[in-house]
N, C-alpha and C. Protein backbone atom coordinates (compact mmCIF):
# COMPACT_ATOMS: atom_id res chain seq x y z
N MET A 1 119.37 133.28 74.31
CA MET A 1 120.08 132.28 75.01
C MET A 1 119.49 131.23 74.99
N LYS A 2 120.43 129.89 75.17
CA LYS A 2 119.98 128.73 75.08
C LYS A 2 120.34 128.13 76.51
N GLU A 3 119.45 127.14 77.04
CA GLU A 3 119.75 126.71 78.22
C GLU A 3 119.77 125.03 78.04
N ILE A 4 120.85 124.32 78.70
CA ILE A 4 121.12 123.12 78.70
C ILE A 4 120.66 122.70 79.93
N VAL A 5 119.95 121.33 80.38
CA VAL A 5 119.38 120.79 81.52
C VAL A 5 120.13 119.27 81.32
N LEU A 6 120.72 119.33 82.73
CA LEU A 6 121.70 117.98 82.78
C LEU A 6 120.74 117.07 83.87
N GLN A 7 120.45 115.93 83.37
CA GLN A 7 120.07 114.85 84.50
C GLN A 7 120.77 114.00 84.62
N THR A 8 120.61 113.20 86.16
CA THR A 8 121.43 112.02 86.37
C THR A 8 120.28 111.20 86.75
N LYS A 9 120.29 109.76 86.35
CA LYS A 9 119.48 108.99 87.10
C LYS A 9 120.14 108.06 87.75
N ILE A 10 119.89 107.97 89.04
CA ILE A 10 120.24 107.49 90.15
C ILE A 10 119.23 106.18 90.85
N LYS A 11 119.55 104.88 90.87
CA LYS A 11 118.48 104.15 91.61
C LYS A 11 119.26 103.83 93.09
N VAL A 12 117.92 104.32 94.14
CA VAL A 12 118.24 104.26 95.43
C VAL A 12 117.98 102.84 95.84
N CYS A 13 118.60 101.96 96.55
CA CYS A 13 118.17 100.56 97.12
C CYS A 13 119.00 100.37 98.40
N SER A 14 118.08 99.45 98.78
CA SER A 14 118.78 98.61 99.91
C SER A 14 119.91 97.65 99.54
N TYR A 15 120.60 97.18 100.51
CA TYR A 15 121.52 96.06 100.21
C TYR A 15 121.09 94.90 99.77
N ASN A 16 119.86 94.62 100.35
CA ASN A 16 119.01 93.28 99.79
C ASN A 16 118.79 93.39 98.64
N GLU A 17 118.36 94.43 97.91
CA GLU A 17 117.77 94.62 96.77
C GLU A 17 118.82 94.50 95.36
N LEU A 18 120.10 94.45 96.10
CA LEU A 18 121.34 94.44 94.96
C LEU A 18 121.35 93.11 94.52
N SER A 19 121.60 92.69 93.08
CA SER A 19 121.67 91.46 92.50
C SER A 19 122.91 90.54 93.50
N ALA A 20 122.95 89.60 93.14
CA ALA A 20 124.05 88.53 93.96
C ALA A 20 125.29 89.05 93.54
N ASP A 21 125.28 89.52 92.09
CA ASP A 21 126.54 89.90 91.69
C ASP A 21 127.08 91.29 92.23
N ASP A 22 126.10 92.05 92.14
CA ASP A 22 126.44 93.52 92.61
C ASP A 22 126.90 93.59 94.08
N ARG A 23 126.17 92.40 95.14
CA ARG A 23 126.60 92.33 96.49
C ARG A 23 127.73 91.75 96.59
N GLU A 24 128.19 90.76 95.71
CA GLU A 24 129.46 90.29 95.68
C GLU A 24 130.78 91.54 95.67
N VAL A 25 130.44 92.37 94.68
CA VAL A 25 131.71 93.43 94.61
C VAL A 25 131.28 94.46 95.64
N VAL A 26 130.26 94.84 96.06
CA VAL A 26 130.20 95.37 97.29
C VAL A 26 130.67 94.99 98.71
N ASP A 27 130.37 93.50 98.62
CA ASP A 27 131.05 92.92 99.72
C ASP A 27 132.57 93.02 99.76
N ALA A 28 133.07 93.09 98.63
CA ALA A 28 134.52 93.19 98.16
C ALA A 28 135.00 94.65 98.73
N ALA A 29 134.39 95.72 98.13
CA ALA A 29 134.48 96.89 98.84
C ALA A 29 134.53 97.08 100.22
N ARG A 30 133.54 97.00 100.95
CA ARG A 30 133.10 97.04 102.33
C ARG A 30 134.49 95.96 102.93
N ALA A 31 134.95 95.18 102.73
CA ALA A 31 135.89 94.27 103.06
C ALA A 31 137.06 95.12 102.87
N ALA A 32 137.52 95.84 101.87
CA ALA A 32 138.61 96.58 101.33
C ALA A 32 138.92 97.64 102.46
N THR A 33 137.64 98.20 102.99
CA THR A 33 137.88 99.37 103.96
C THR A 33 138.72 99.00 105.39
N SER A 34 138.86 97.55 105.59
CA SER A 34 139.86 97.02 106.55
C SER A 34 141.17 97.19 105.89
N ASN A 35 141.65 97.24 104.77
CA ASN A 35 142.77 97.40 104.41
C ASN A 35 143.45 98.81 104.54
N SER A 36 142.32 99.76 104.55
CA SER A 36 142.81 101.14 104.49
C SER A 36 143.81 101.80 105.42
N TYR A 37 144.69 102.55 104.66
CA TYR A 37 145.56 103.16 105.62
C TYR A 37 145.19 104.65 105.92
N ALA A 38 144.31 104.99 107.15
CA ALA A 38 143.67 106.17 107.02
C ALA A 38 143.98 106.54 108.63
N VAL A 39 145.41 106.53 109.00
CA VAL A 39 145.79 106.99 110.38
C VAL A 39 145.60 108.46 110.58
N TYR A 40 145.49 109.31 109.74
CA TYR A 40 145.11 110.98 109.54
C TYR A 40 143.41 111.14 110.01
N SER A 41 142.74 110.90 108.83
CA SER A 41 141.63 111.04 108.59
C SER A 41 140.68 110.33 109.38
N LYS A 42 140.95 108.89 109.50
CA LYS A 42 140.07 107.97 110.24
C LYS A 42 139.01 107.67 109.25
N PHE A 43 139.16 107.92 108.20
CA PHE A 43 137.80 107.75 107.10
C PHE A 43 138.36 106.49 106.08
N ASN A 44 137.85 105.46 106.25
CA ASN A 44 138.43 104.32 105.60
C ASN A 44 137.52 104.25 104.27
N VAL A 45 138.25 104.25 103.25
CA VAL A 45 137.28 104.17 101.93
C VAL A 45 137.77 102.50 101.09
N GLY A 46 137.14 101.86 100.75
CA GLY A 46 137.30 100.86 100.17
C GLY A 46 136.53 100.86 98.82
N ALA A 47 137.06 100.18 97.75
CA ALA A 47 136.85 100.09 96.52
C ALA A 47 136.89 98.88 95.59
N ALA A 48 136.10 98.18 94.98
CA ALA A 48 136.27 97.09 94.22
C ALA A 48 135.93 96.81 92.68
N VAL A 49 136.21 96.33 92.17
CA VAL A 49 135.97 96.27 90.50
C VAL A 49 135.69 94.85 90.21
N ARG A 50 134.55 94.75 89.57
CA ARG A 50 134.49 93.13 88.75
C ARG A 50 135.01 93.52 87.16
N LEU A 51 135.89 92.82 86.72
CA LEU A 51 136.34 93.05 85.27
C LEU A 51 135.69 92.25 84.52
N LYS A 52 135.72 92.47 83.09
CA LYS A 52 134.84 91.38 82.20
C LYS A 52 135.45 90.10 82.47
N ASN A 53 136.74 89.62 82.77
CA ASN A 53 136.94 88.31 82.83
C ASN A 53 136.47 87.66 84.27
N GLY A 54 135.88 88.50 84.74
CA GLY A 54 135.20 87.77 86.31
C GLY A 54 136.15 87.99 87.18
N VAL A 55 137.25 88.43 87.30
CA VAL A 55 138.05 88.73 88.47
C VAL A 55 137.52 90.12 89.38
N ILE A 56 137.62 89.66 90.45
CA ILE A 56 137.19 90.90 91.28
C ILE A 56 138.60 91.53 91.80
N VAL A 57 138.92 92.55 91.62
CA VAL A 57 140.02 93.73 92.10
C VAL A 57 139.65 94.64 93.24
N LYS A 58 140.06 94.54 94.43
CA LYS A 58 139.54 95.76 95.24
C LYS A 58 141.12 96.30 95.90
N GLY A 59 140.76 97.45 96.55
CA GLY A 59 141.71 98.69 96.97
C GLY A 59 141.07 99.32 98.15
N SER A 60 142.15 100.12 98.57
CA SER A 60 141.51 101.02 99.74
C SER A 60 142.64 102.29 99.70
N ASN A 61 141.98 103.25 100.40
CA ASN A 61 143.00 104.84 100.39
C ASN A 61 144.01 104.60 101.11
N GLN A 62 144.92 104.99 100.91
CA GLN A 62 146.45 105.19 101.46
C GLN A 62 146.72 106.60 101.66
N GLU A 63 146.67 107.02 103.16
CA GLU A 63 147.14 108.32 103.30
C GLU A 63 148.59 108.55 103.69
N ASN A 64 148.86 109.55 103.83
CA ASN A 64 150.15 110.09 104.09
C ASN A 64 150.26 111.46 104.79
N ALA A 65 151.27 111.79 105.87
CA ALA A 65 151.12 113.02 106.36
C ALA A 65 151.26 114.14 105.69
N ALA A 66 151.73 113.88 104.35
CA ALA A 66 151.96 114.87 103.13
C ALA A 66 150.53 114.47 102.25
N TYR A 67 149.44 115.01 102.80
CA TYR A 67 148.37 114.98 102.21
C TYR A 67 148.31 114.28 100.53
N PRO A 68 148.75 115.35 100.05
CA PRO A 68 148.69 115.05 98.51
C PRO A 68 149.10 113.74 98.08
N SER A 69 150.00 113.23 98.80
CA SER A 69 150.93 111.95 98.37
C SER A 69 150.07 110.90 98.42
N GLY A 70 148.76 110.92 99.44
CA GLY A 70 147.87 109.63 99.59
C GLY A 70 147.23 109.25 97.97
N LEU A 71 146.55 108.47 98.37
CA LEU A 71 145.70 107.96 97.29
C LEU A 71 144.28 107.28 97.60
N CYS A 72 143.63 107.94 96.83
CA CYS A 72 142.11 107.38 97.32
C CYS A 72 141.97 105.80 96.49
N ALA A 73 140.93 105.50 97.48
CA ALA A 73 140.36 103.67 97.08
C ALA A 73 140.34 103.61 95.77
N GLU A 74 139.24 104.55 95.15
CA GLU A 74 139.10 104.30 93.63
C GLU A 74 140.16 104.25 92.67
N ARG A 75 141.06 105.21 92.79
CA ARG A 75 142.22 105.03 91.94
C ARG A 75 143.21 103.86 92.22
N THR A 76 143.64 103.59 93.47
CA THR A 76 144.31 102.49 93.75
C THR A 76 143.55 101.13 93.24
N THR A 77 142.32 101.03 93.26
CA THR A 77 141.87 99.85 92.47
C THR A 77 142.02 99.77 91.16
N LEU A 78 141.65 100.98 90.44
CA LEU A 78 141.46 101.14 89.04
C LEU A 78 142.79 101.00 88.44
N PHE A 79 144.06 101.54 89.06
CA PHE A 79 145.46 101.51 88.84
C PHE A 79 145.89 100.01 88.73
N TRP A 80 145.63 99.25 89.76
CA TRP A 80 145.88 97.83 90.03
C TRP A 80 145.33 97.22 88.91
N ALA A 81 143.95 97.02 88.79
CA ALA A 81 143.13 96.44 87.91
C ALA A 81 143.88 96.80 86.84
N ASN A 82 144.05 97.84 86.16
CA ASN A 82 144.07 98.22 84.86
C ASN A 82 145.60 97.65 84.57
N SER A 83 146.48 97.38 85.58
CA SER A 83 147.98 97.29 85.31
C SER A 83 148.14 95.69 85.48
N GLN A 84 147.41 95.13 86.06
CA GLN A 84 147.48 93.48 86.34
C GLN A 84 146.65 92.70 85.13
N TYR A 85 145.95 93.65 84.59
CA TYR A 85 144.60 93.10 83.51
C TYR A 85 144.38 94.00 82.40
N PRO A 86 145.29 94.41 81.66
CA PRO A 86 145.57 95.56 81.04
C PRO A 86 144.47 95.28 79.83
N ASP A 87 143.94 93.86 79.73
CA ASP A 87 143.07 93.79 78.51
C ASP A 87 141.72 93.24 79.09
N SER A 88 141.38 93.48 80.15
CA SER A 88 140.00 92.90 80.66
C SER A 88 139.43 94.25 81.24
N ALA A 89 138.21 94.80 80.55
CA ALA A 89 137.58 96.05 80.74
C ALA A 89 136.67 95.96 82.35
N VAL A 90 136.74 97.08 83.00
CA VAL A 90 135.80 96.89 83.99
C VAL A 90 134.51 97.41 84.00
N LEU A 91 133.63 96.45 84.42
CA LEU A 91 132.40 96.33 84.52
C LEU A 91 131.43 97.16 85.22
N THR A 92 131.82 96.94 86.75
CA THR A 92 130.94 97.27 87.87
C THR A 92 132.18 98.03 88.77
N LEU A 93 132.12 99.17 89.64
CA LEU A 93 133.07 99.67 90.22
C LEU A 93 132.06 100.06 91.50
N ALA A 94 132.43 99.18 92.68
CA ALA A 94 131.62 99.60 93.96
C ALA A 94 132.57 100.39 95.10
N ILE A 95 132.16 101.46 95.72
CA ILE A 95 132.67 101.96 96.71
C ILE A 95 131.89 101.94 98.12
N ALA A 96 132.70 101.81 99.36
CA ALA A 96 132.10 101.93 100.50
C ALA A 96 133.17 102.60 101.46
N ALA A 97 132.64 103.04 102.39
CA ALA A 97 133.58 103.89 103.64
C ALA A 97 132.87 103.71 104.86
N ARG A 98 133.86 103.69 105.88
CA ARG A 98 133.34 103.66 107.20
C ARG A 98 134.36 104.64 108.26
N THR A 99 133.78 104.97 109.44
CA THR A 99 134.51 105.49 110.27
C THR A 99 134.78 104.61 111.40
N GLU A 100 135.24 105.34 112.15
CA GLU A 100 135.61 104.75 113.58
C GLU A 100 134.03 104.09 114.43
N LYS A 101 133.01 104.95 113.81
CA LYS A 101 131.65 104.50 114.39
C LYS A 101 130.80 103.50 113.54
N GLY A 102 131.28 102.94 112.65
CA GLY A 102 131.21 101.99 111.65
C GLY A 102 130.99 102.50 109.91
N GLU A 103 130.30 101.85 109.34
CA GLU A 103 130.00 101.89 108.01
C GLU A 103 128.89 103.21 107.75
N LEU A 104 129.50 103.99 107.14
CA LEU A 104 128.30 105.02 106.69
C LEU A 104 127.34 104.83 106.25
N PRO A 105 126.03 105.34 107.01
CA PRO A 105 124.71 105.03 106.42
C PRO A 105 124.28 105.28 105.07
N VAL A 106 124.96 106.52 104.68
CA VAL A 106 124.48 106.88 102.93
C VAL A 106 125.76 106.84 102.44
N PRO A 107 125.93 106.79 100.85
CA PRO A 107 127.01 106.43 100.23
C PRO A 107 127.80 107.73 100.28
N ILE A 108 129.18 107.44 99.85
CA ILE A 108 129.94 108.56 99.31
C ILE A 108 130.17 108.63 98.06
N PRO A 109 130.47 109.89 97.28
CA PRO A 109 130.68 109.73 95.71
C PRO A 109 132.31 109.59 95.71
N PRO A 110 132.52 109.32 94.48
CA PRO A 110 134.15 109.74 94.38
C PRO A 110 134.56 111.06 94.07
N CYS A 111 135.46 111.00 94.23
CA CYS A 111 136.08 112.87 94.24
C CYS A 111 136.28 113.14 92.79
N GLY A 112 136.64 114.30 92.55
CA GLY A 112 136.61 114.64 91.16
C GLY A 112 137.89 114.18 90.27
N ALA A 113 138.88 113.80 91.44
CA ALA A 113 140.21 113.18 90.61
C ALA A 113 139.66 111.45 90.29
N CYS A 114 139.28 111.05 91.22
CA CYS A 114 138.66 109.63 91.03
C CYS A 114 137.69 109.66 89.56
N ARG A 115 136.85 110.48 89.79
CA ARG A 115 135.84 110.62 88.39
C ARG A 115 136.52 110.69 87.37
N GLN A 116 137.38 111.28 87.07
CA GLN A 116 138.50 111.67 85.93
C GLN A 116 139.09 110.20 85.53
N VAL A 117 139.41 109.52 86.40
CA VAL A 117 140.29 108.24 86.22
C VAL A 117 139.47 107.26 85.86
N ILE A 118 138.01 107.27 86.31
CA ILE A 118 136.94 106.25 86.16
C ILE A 118 136.69 106.50 84.72
N LEU A 119 136.54 107.94 84.06
CA LEU A 119 136.24 108.53 82.64
C LEU A 119 137.42 107.68 81.76
N GLU A 120 138.33 107.93 82.25
CA GLU A 120 139.52 107.64 81.50
C GLU A 120 139.49 106.29 81.23
N THR A 121 139.06 105.12 82.30
CA THR A 121 138.96 103.98 82.47
C THR A 121 138.05 103.48 81.37
N GLU A 122 136.57 104.08 81.22
CA GLU A 122 135.61 103.96 80.53
C GLU A 122 136.05 104.03 78.93
N LYS A 123 136.72 105.38 79.03
CA LYS A 123 137.32 105.55 77.61
C LYS A 123 138.45 104.51 77.10
N ARG A 124 139.15 103.96 78.08
CA ARG A 124 140.31 103.12 77.39
C ARG A 124 139.66 101.63 76.87
N PHE A 125 138.59 101.37 77.65
CA PHE A 125 137.81 100.00 77.21
C PHE A 125 136.60 100.00 76.26
N GLY A 126 136.24 101.41 76.05
CA GLY A 126 134.80 101.79 75.26
C GLY A 126 133.84 100.99 75.83
N GLU A 127 133.63 100.89 77.40
CA GLU A 127 132.81 100.43 78.42
C GLU A 127 132.14 101.15 79.31
N THR A 128 130.98 101.14 79.33
CA THR A 128 130.65 102.05 80.62
C THR A 128 130.51 101.32 81.83
N ILE A 129 131.01 101.88 82.93
CA ILE A 129 130.86 101.22 84.27
C ILE A 129 129.96 101.46 85.17
N LYS A 130 129.20 100.26 85.51
CA LYS A 130 128.23 100.69 86.68
C LYS A 130 128.75 100.70 87.67
N ILE A 131 128.32 102.03 88.40
CA ILE A 131 128.93 102.29 89.54
C ILE A 131 127.75 102.36 90.84
N ILE A 132 128.34 101.45 91.98
CA ILE A 132 127.40 101.43 93.05
C ILE A 132 128.30 101.98 94.13
N LEU A 133 127.38 102.94 94.89
CA LEU A 133 127.98 103.52 95.97
C LEU A 133 127.03 103.24 97.27
N TYR A 134 127.90 102.33 98.06
CA TYR A 134 127.34 101.62 99.23
C TYR A 134 127.25 102.54 100.47
N GLY A 135 125.86 102.53 101.02
CA GLY A 135 125.72 103.11 102.19
C GLY A 135 125.12 102.04 103.17
N ALA A 136 125.15 101.90 104.50
CA ALA A 136 124.56 101.03 105.18
C ALA A 136 122.88 100.94 105.42
N LYS A 137 122.46 102.19 105.14
CA LYS A 137 120.89 102.42 104.94
C LYS A 137 120.52 102.36 103.68
N GLU A 138 121.32 102.83 102.44
CA GLU A 138 120.86 102.81 101.27
C GLU A 138 122.08 103.06 100.56
N SER A 139 121.96 102.36 99.34
CA SER A 139 123.16 102.54 98.04
C SER A 139 122.42 103.03 96.68
N TYR A 140 123.36 103.58 96.08
CA TYR A 140 122.93 104.47 94.88
C TYR A 140 123.49 103.45 93.85
N ILE A 141 122.66 103.29 92.83
CA ILE A 141 123.27 102.77 91.58
C ILE A 141 123.38 103.54 90.30
N ILE A 142 124.46 103.60 89.88
CA ILE A 142 124.63 104.64 88.55
C ILE A 142 124.82 103.60 87.23
N GLU A 143 123.86 103.56 86.66
CA GLU A 143 124.23 102.36 85.22
C GLU A 143 124.54 102.98 84.19
N ASP A 144 124.28 104.27 84.16
CA ASP A 144 124.66 105.04 82.70
C ASP A 144 126.42 105.45 82.81
N GLY A 145 127.13 105.14 83.88
CA GLY A 145 128.59 105.39 83.76
C GLY A 145 128.91 106.57 84.32
N ILE A 146 130.12 106.92 84.44
CA ILE A 146 130.72 108.22 84.98
C ILE A 146 130.15 109.61 84.68
N LYS A 147 129.59 109.61 83.23
CA LYS A 147 129.11 110.87 82.82
C LYS A 147 128.14 111.44 83.51
N ALA A 148 127.45 110.23 83.80
CA ALA A 148 126.18 110.67 84.90
C ALA A 148 126.41 111.48 85.78
N LEU A 149 127.77 111.29 86.58
CA LEU A 149 128.11 111.92 87.78
C LEU A 149 129.21 112.89 87.36
N MET A 150 129.44 112.93 86.24
CA MET A 150 130.54 113.91 85.48
C MET A 150 130.20 114.88 84.26
N PRO A 151 128.76 115.43 84.29
CA PRO A 151 128.45 115.60 82.93
C PRO A 151 129.43 117.00 82.65
N LEU A 152 129.56 117.09 81.18
CA LEU A 152 130.64 118.04 80.88
C LEU A 152 131.91 117.63 81.14
N SER A 153 132.37 116.70 81.10
CA SER A 153 133.60 116.05 81.35
C SER A 153 134.64 116.20 80.15
N PHE A 154 136.12 116.51 80.61
CA PHE A 154 137.15 116.60 79.85
C PHE A 154 137.68 115.18 79.55
N ASP A 155 137.80 114.94 78.13
CA ASP A 155 138.56 113.80 77.89
C ASP A 155 139.37 113.67 76.67
N SER A 156 139.86 112.77 75.96
CA SER A 156 140.45 112.81 74.91
C SER A 156 140.00 113.75 73.71
N GLU A 157 139.10 113.49 73.56
CA GLU A 157 138.11 114.20 72.36
C GLU A 157 138.52 115.51 72.43
N PHE A 158 138.97 116.38 73.26
CA PHE A 158 139.25 117.38 73.16
C PHE A 158 140.92 117.62 72.89
N LEU A 159 141.74 116.49 72.74
CA LEU A 159 142.91 116.56 72.59
C LEU A 159 143.24 116.42 71.26
N GLU A 160 142.32 115.75 70.57
CA GLU A 160 142.21 115.47 69.14
C GLU A 160 142.07 116.64 68.17
């Protein structure tokens, strides 16, 4: 029998330890939580991406009484960015969340569906996306792209 060991490298830092460029994307994600439509869960999520052309695009979660009809902040942001700037790769993705009590102290990770969309975006442009998960107390930086959060992932290679 063979054993496979999977490892993920995550940098843990404070907001002040982020670079100025990374703080800019994080601040856009934090601001995007204010545009969230989360009347049912009261869980406001914002996401922002920096594109290769320098543009920052942000989005937020949009709920619906029929829960499956809503959409997460990450997918809202990536779909908008990819539709408006189809030739510009995503370099950085930041995610932030808050509740009625304020910003969460620790970061939230993207859900499985969002991870799959991030994977497809990386594949589309052939670029690894730096992922920053923001928390008021600490943030996580994943520089190795979505495969660090989604090992053994399914992508187009299996369809060839």
